[in-house]
């Protein structure tokens, strides 16, 4: 199947992302039998000065999880460890707010996904 997308505008946007991937050669029966792919999620909660986070829906390709703040690596976990706790005082301040990143890697060390969290929104 070939798809054509035409975007016409007198004032074009700066950035456009079009996802035109489709299922090829799958029947309705196959599509119904396959579970919908779920994206990984990072849920964090704050209790005092402690932040506890849990990763859910991790794909099997994730083998390593790295938690950083600023230039410091705070934690390095394997994919079986999906819950971790951070002390707010260990987080670097970025633009007046404390921030940390959770990065998911595969076996080859390629970055699969990165989450950025700010303590203001926890």
N, C-alpha and C. Protein backbone atom coordinates (compact mmCIF):
# COMPACT_ATOMS: atom_id res chain seq x y z
N UNK A 1 0.84 -1.17 0.00
CA UNK A 1 0.00 0.00 0.00
C UNK A 1 0.89 1.24 0.00
N UNK A 2 0.61 2.17 -0.86
CA UNK A 2 1.38 3.40 -0.95
C UNK A 2 0.48 4.54 -0.50
N UNK A 3 1.00 5.39 0.36
CA UNK A 3 0.25 6.54 0.85
C UNK A 3 0.93 7.81 0.39
N UNK A 4 0.13 8.79 0.05
CA UNK A 4 0.67 10.08 -0.34
C UNK A 4 0.06 11.13 0.58
N UNK A 5 0.90 11.96 1.13
CA UNK A 5 0.45 13.03 2.01
C UNK A 5 0.91 14.35 1.42
N UNK A 6 -0.02 15.27 1.26
CA UNK A 6 0.30 16.58 0.72
C UNK A 6 -0.12 17.61 1.76
N UNK A 7 0.78 18.49 2.11
CA UNK A 7 0.51 19.53 3.09
C UNK A 7 0.69 20.88 2.41
N UNK A 8 -0.40 21.62 2.29
CA UNK A 8 -0.36 22.92 1.65
C UNK A 8 -0.70 23.99 2.68
N UNK A 9 0.07 25.06 2.69
CA UNK A 9 -0.19 26.12 3.63
C UNK A 9 0.53 27.38 3.18
N UNK A 10 -0.11 28.53 3.42
CA UNK A 10 0.56 29.79 3.13
C UNK A 10 1.57 30.14 4.21
N UNK A 11 1.34 29.64 5.42
CA UNK A 11 2.23 29.86 6.56
C UNK A 11 2.59 28.50 7.13
N UNK A 12 3.59 27.81 6.54
CA UNK A 12 3.89 26.45 6.95
C UNK A 12 4.43 26.40 8.38
N UNK A 13 4.11 25.31 9.10
CA UNK A 13 4.64 25.17 10.46
C UNK A 13 6.15 24.94 10.44
N UNK A 14 6.80 25.22 11.56
CA UNK A 14 8.25 25.03 11.66
C UNK A 14 8.62 23.56 11.63
N UNK A 15 7.77 22.70 12.23
CA UNK A 15 8.12 21.31 12.39
C UNK A 15 6.87 20.45 12.25
N UNK A 16 6.94 19.42 11.44
CA UNK A 16 5.79 18.55 11.23
C UNK A 16 6.27 17.11 11.32
N UNK A 17 5.53 16.29 12.05
CA UNK A 17 5.82 14.86 12.12
C UNK A 17 4.58 14.13 11.65
N UNK A 18 4.75 13.31 10.65
CA UNK A 18 3.65 12.50 10.15
C UNK A 18 4.01 11.04 10.34
N UNK A 19 3.13 10.29 10.97
CA UNK A 19 3.36 8.86 11.14
C UNK A 19 2.47 8.15 10.14
N UNK A 20 3.06 7.63 9.10
CA UNK A 20 2.29 6.99 8.05
C UNK A 20 2.57 5.49 7.97
N UNK A 21 3.08 4.96 9.08
CA UNK A 21 3.31 3.52 9.10
C UNK A 21 1.97 2.80 9.17
N UNK A 22 1.87 1.71 8.51
CA UNK A 22 0.63 0.93 8.56
C UNK A 22 0.96 -0.54 8.66
N UNK A 23 -0.05 -1.31 8.91
CA UNK A 23 0.11 -2.76 8.95
C UNK A 23 0.01 -3.29 7.54
N UNK A 24 1.03 -4.00 7.14
CA UNK A 24 0.99 -4.59 5.81
C UNK A 24 0.81 -6.09 5.94
N UNK A 25 0.03 -6.63 5.06
CA UNK A 25 -0.19 -8.07 4.98
C UNK A 25 -0.73 -8.66 6.27
N UNK A 26 -1.58 -7.97 6.98
CA UNK A 26 -2.20 -8.57 8.16
C UNK A 26 -3.70 -8.56 7.96
N UNK A 27 -4.29 -9.65 8.36
CA UNK A 27 -5.74 -9.75 8.23
C UNK A 27 -6.38 -9.18 9.48
N UNK A 28 -7.67 -8.99 9.42
CA UNK A 28 -8.40 -8.47 10.58
C UNK A 28 -8.25 -9.44 11.75
N UNK A 29 -8.24 -10.73 11.48
CA UNK A 29 -8.11 -11.73 12.53
C UNK A 29 -6.74 -11.61 13.20
N UNK A 30 -5.66 -11.39 12.44
CA UNK A 30 -4.33 -11.24 13.02
C UNK A 30 -4.25 -9.97 13.85
N UNK A 31 -4.81 -8.89 13.36
CA UNK A 31 -4.76 -7.63 14.07
C UNK A 31 -5.49 -7.72 15.40
N UNK A 32 -6.60 -8.44 15.43
CA UNK A 32 -7.36 -8.59 16.68
C UNK A 32 -6.62 -9.46 17.68
N UNK A 33 -5.84 -10.43 17.20
CA UNK A 33 -5.12 -11.35 18.09
C UNK A 33 -3.88 -10.71 18.70
N UNK A 34 -3.28 -9.73 18.01
CA UNK A 34 -2.06 -9.10 18.50
C UNK A 34 -2.40 -8.05 19.55
N UNK A 35 -1.73 -8.07 20.71
CA UNK A 35 -2.01 -7.06 21.72
C UNK A 35 -1.48 -5.70 21.26
N UNK A 36 -2.16 -4.66 21.64
CA UNK A 36 -1.71 -3.31 21.30
C UNK A 36 -0.40 -3.04 22.01
N UNK A 37 0.55 -2.47 21.30
CA UNK A 37 1.85 -2.15 21.89
C UNK A 37 1.65 -1.02 22.90
N UNK A 38 2.13 -1.24 24.11
CA UNK A 38 2.02 -0.22 25.13
C UNK A 38 3.36 0.46 25.30
N UNK A 39 3.33 1.75 25.39
CA UNK A 39 4.55 2.51 25.59
C UNK A 39 4.94 2.46 27.05
N UNK A 40 6.25 2.46 27.33
CA UNK A 40 6.68 2.48 28.73
C UNK A 40 6.20 3.77 29.41
N UNK A 41 5.91 3.65 30.69
CA UNK A 41 5.46 4.79 31.47
C UNK A 41 6.32 4.93 32.71
N UNK A 42 6.51 6.16 33.16
CA UNK A 42 7.21 6.45 34.40
C UNK A 42 6.26 7.22 35.30
N UNK A 43 5.91 6.62 36.43
CA UNK A 43 5.02 7.26 37.40
C UNK A 43 5.81 7.54 38.66
N UNK A 44 5.82 8.81 39.08
CA UNK A 44 6.58 9.23 40.26
C UNK A 44 5.68 9.91 41.27
N UNK A 45 5.98 9.67 42.55
CA UNK A 45 5.25 10.32 43.63
C UNK A 45 6.25 10.85 44.64
N UNK A 46 5.88 11.95 45.24
CA UNK A 46 6.74 12.60 46.21
C UNK A 46 6.15 12.41 47.60
N UNK A 47 7.00 12.06 48.55
CA UNK A 47 6.62 11.96 49.96
C UNK A 47 7.70 12.69 50.75
N UNK A 48 7.41 13.90 51.16
CA UNK A 48 8.42 14.72 51.83
C UNK A 48 9.52 15.08 50.85
N UNK A 49 10.76 14.68 51.19
CA UNK A 49 11.89 14.97 50.30
C UNK A 49 12.35 13.72 49.55
N UNK A 50 11.51 12.68 49.54
CA UNK A 50 11.81 11.44 48.82
C UNK A 50 10.89 11.33 47.60
N UNK A 51 11.45 10.86 46.49
CA UNK A 51 10.69 10.67 45.26
C UNK A 51 10.78 9.19 44.90
N UNK A 52 9.64 8.53 44.79
CA UNK A 52 9.60 7.12 44.42
C UNK A 52 8.97 7.01 43.05
N UNK A 53 9.67 6.31 42.16
CA UNK A 53 9.22 6.16 40.77
C UNK A 53 9.08 4.69 40.42
N UNK A 54 8.12 4.41 39.55
CA UNK A 54 7.90 3.06 39.05
C UNK A 54 7.76 3.10 37.54
N UNK A 55 8.50 2.24 36.87
CA UNK A 55 8.39 2.09 35.42
C UNK A 55 7.43 0.94 35.12
N UNK A 56 6.52 1.16 34.19
CA UNK A 56 5.58 0.11 33.80
C UNK A 56 5.61 -0.04 32.28
N UNK A 57 5.13 -1.19 31.82
CA UNK A 57 5.03 -1.51 30.40
C UNK A 57 6.39 -1.46 29.70
N UNK A 58 7.43 -1.95 30.38
CA UNK A 58 8.75 -1.97 29.76
C UNK A 58 8.80 -3.05 28.68
N UNK A 59 9.26 -2.72 27.48
CA UNK A 59 9.42 -3.75 26.45
C UNK A 59 10.58 -4.68 26.81
N UNK A 60 10.56 -5.87 26.25
CA UNK A 60 11.59 -6.86 26.55
C UNK A 60 12.97 -6.42 26.09
N UNK A 61 13.05 -5.45 25.18
CA UNK A 61 14.34 -4.98 24.67
C UNK A 61 15.10 -4.13 25.67
N UNK A 62 14.42 -3.64 26.71
CA UNK A 62 15.09 -2.82 27.73
C UNK A 62 15.90 -3.75 28.65
N UNK A 63 17.20 -3.46 28.77
CA UNK A 63 18.05 -4.26 29.66
C UNK A 63 18.69 -3.44 30.77
N UNK A 64 18.76 -2.12 30.57
CA UNK A 64 19.42 -1.26 31.55
C UNK A 64 18.65 0.04 31.69
N UNK A 65 18.58 0.51 32.94
CA UNK A 65 17.90 1.76 33.26
C UNK A 65 18.90 2.65 33.98
N UNK A 66 19.03 3.88 33.53
CA UNK A 66 19.97 4.81 34.14
C UNK A 66 19.21 6.05 34.60
N UNK A 67 19.48 6.47 35.85
CA UNK A 67 18.86 7.67 36.41
C UNK A 67 19.97 8.69 36.62
N UNK A 68 19.81 9.87 36.00
CA UNK A 68 20.82 10.92 36.11
C UNK A 68 20.15 12.23 36.53
N UNK A 69 20.97 13.12 37.06
CA UNK A 69 20.53 14.47 37.36
C UNK A 69 21.70 15.39 37.10
N UNK A 70 21.52 16.32 36.17
CA UNK A 70 22.65 17.14 35.75
C UNK A 70 23.67 16.24 35.08
N UNK A 71 24.91 16.30 35.52
CA UNK A 71 25.96 15.45 34.95
C UNK A 71 26.22 14.21 35.79
N UNK A 72 25.51 14.07 36.90
CA UNK A 72 25.73 12.94 37.82
C UNK A 72 24.81 11.75 37.52
N UNK A 73 25.39 10.55 37.54
CA UNK A 73 24.59 9.34 37.45
C UNK A 73 24.20 8.96 38.88
N UNK A 74 22.90 8.93 39.15
CA UNK A 74 22.42 8.61 40.48
C UNK A 74 22.22 7.11 40.67
N UNK A 75 21.67 6.45 39.67
CA UNK A 75 21.40 5.01 39.75
C UNK A 75 21.62 4.35 38.40
N UNK A 76 22.04 3.10 38.44
CA UNK A 76 22.06 2.26 37.24
C UNK A 76 21.41 0.95 37.64
N UNK A 77 20.31 0.61 36.98
CA UNK A 77 19.50 -0.55 37.35
C UNK A 77 19.37 -1.49 36.18
N UNK A 78 19.10 -2.77 36.47
CA UNK A 78 18.76 -3.67 35.37
C UNK A 78 17.26 -3.61 35.17
N UNK A 79 16.78 -4.18 34.09
CA UNK A 79 15.37 -4.04 33.71
C UNK A 79 14.43 -4.72 34.69
N UNK A 80 14.92 -5.61 35.54
CA UNK A 80 14.04 -6.27 36.52
C UNK A 80 13.69 -5.34 37.67
N UNK A 81 14.51 -4.30 37.90
CA UNK A 81 14.27 -3.34 38.97
C UNK A 81 13.50 -2.17 38.38
N UNK A 82 12.20 -2.16 38.62
CA UNK A 82 11.37 -1.13 38.00
C UNK A 82 10.90 -0.05 38.97
N UNK A 83 11.25 -0.18 40.25
CA UNK A 83 10.89 0.85 41.24
C UNK A 83 12.16 1.33 41.92
N UNK A 84 12.29 2.64 42.09
CA UNK A 84 13.46 3.21 42.74
C UNK A 84 13.06 4.47 43.49
N UNK A 85 13.90 4.87 44.44
CA UNK A 85 13.65 6.06 45.26
C UNK A 85 14.85 6.99 45.18
N UNK A 86 14.57 8.28 45.08
CA UNK A 86 15.60 9.31 45.01
C UNK A 86 15.39 10.31 46.15
N UNK A 87 16.48 10.87 46.65
CA UNK A 87 16.40 11.97 47.61
C UNK A 87 16.42 13.27 46.82
N UNK A 88 15.49 14.16 47.13
CA UNK A 88 15.39 15.42 46.39
C UNK A 88 16.69 16.22 46.47
N UNK A 89 17.39 16.14 47.57
CA UNK A 89 18.63 16.90 47.74
C UNK A 89 19.73 16.43 46.79
N UNK A 90 19.62 15.20 46.24
CA UNK A 90 20.63 14.68 45.30
C UNK A 90 20.41 15.17 43.86
N UNK A 91 19.29 15.84 43.62
CA UNK A 91 18.96 16.26 42.26
C UNK A 91 19.56 17.61 41.94
N UNK A 92 20.02 17.75 40.71
CA UNK A 92 20.59 19.02 40.25
C UNK A 92 19.47 20.02 39.99
N UNK A 93 19.81 21.28 40.16
CA UNK A 93 18.84 22.34 39.90
C UNK A 93 19.02 22.83 38.48
N UNK A 94 17.91 22.86 37.74
CA UNK A 94 17.90 23.33 36.35
C UNK A 94 16.83 24.42 36.25
N UNK A 95 17.27 25.63 35.96
CA UNK A 95 16.37 26.78 35.84
C UNK A 95 15.51 26.95 37.09
N UNK A 96 16.13 26.80 38.25
CA UNK A 96 15.43 27.02 39.51
C UNK A 96 14.58 25.87 39.98
N UNK A 97 14.61 24.73 39.28
CA UNK A 97 13.80 23.57 39.66
C UNK A 97 14.68 22.32 39.65
N UNK A 98 14.41 21.41 40.55
CA UNK A 98 15.18 20.16 40.59
C UNK A 98 14.63 19.19 39.54
N UNK A 99 15.58 18.56 38.83
CA UNK A 99 15.21 17.74 37.67
C UNK A 99 16.03 16.46 37.65
N UNK A 100 15.44 15.39 37.09
CA UNK A 100 16.17 14.14 36.86
C UNK A 100 15.69 13.48 35.58
N UNK A 101 16.53 12.60 35.03
CA UNK A 101 16.24 11.89 33.79
C UNK A 101 16.33 10.39 34.04
N UNK A 102 15.42 9.67 33.42
CA UNK A 102 15.43 8.21 33.46
C UNK A 102 15.55 7.74 32.02
N UNK A 103 16.62 7.03 31.71
CA UNK A 103 16.91 6.61 30.34
C UNK A 103 16.90 5.09 30.26
N UNK A 104 16.24 4.57 29.23
CA UNK A 104 16.14 3.12 29.00
C UNK A 104 17.08 2.75 27.86
N UNK A 105 17.86 1.67 28.07
CA UNK A 105 18.83 1.22 27.08
C UNK A 105 18.60 -0.24 26.72
N UNK A 106 19.01 -0.63 25.50
CA UNK A 106 18.96 -2.03 25.09
C UNK A 106 20.32 -2.69 25.32
N UNK A 107 20.47 -3.95 24.90
CA UNK A 107 21.70 -4.71 25.14
C UNK A 107 22.92 -4.11 24.44
N UNK A 108 22.72 -3.42 23.32
CA UNK A 108 23.82 -2.79 22.60
C UNK A 108 24.16 -1.40 23.15
N UNK A 109 23.46 -0.97 24.18
CA UNK A 109 23.73 0.34 24.76
C UNK A 109 23.04 1.49 24.04
N UNK A 110 22.12 1.15 23.14
CA UNK A 110 21.37 2.20 22.43
C UNK A 110 20.25 2.72 23.31
N UNK A 111 20.07 4.03 23.30
CA UNK A 111 19.01 4.65 24.07
C UNK A 111 17.67 4.38 23.39
N UNK A 112 16.73 3.83 24.16
CA UNK A 112 15.41 3.53 23.62
C UNK A 112 14.39 4.60 23.96
N UNK A 113 14.51 5.15 25.16
CA UNK A 113 13.53 6.14 25.62
C UNK A 113 14.13 6.93 26.77
N UNK A 114 13.75 8.18 26.89
CA UNK A 114 14.21 9.01 28.00
C UNK A 114 13.03 9.77 28.59
N UNK A 115 12.94 9.75 29.91
CA UNK A 115 11.93 10.52 30.63
C UNK A 115 12.63 11.63 31.39
N UNK A 116 12.08 12.82 31.37
CA UNK A 116 12.61 13.94 32.14
C UNK A 116 11.52 14.34 33.12
N UNK A 117 11.87 14.37 34.40
CA UNK A 117 10.90 14.74 35.43
C UNK A 117 11.44 15.92 36.22
N UNK A 118 10.51 16.76 36.63
CA UNK A 118 10.79 17.98 37.37
C UNK A 118 10.04 17.88 38.70
N UNK A 119 10.68 18.15 39.82
CA UNK A 119 10.04 17.99 41.12
C UNK A 119 8.87 18.94 41.31
N UNK A 120 8.80 19.99 40.56
CA UNK A 120 7.69 20.94 40.67
C UNK A 120 6.37 20.27 40.33
N UNK A 121 6.38 19.32 39.42
CA UNK A 121 5.14 18.70 38.95
C UNK A 121 4.85 17.36 39.59
N UNK A 122 5.55 17.00 40.66
CA UNK A 122 5.28 15.73 41.35
C UNK A 122 4.33 15.94 42.49
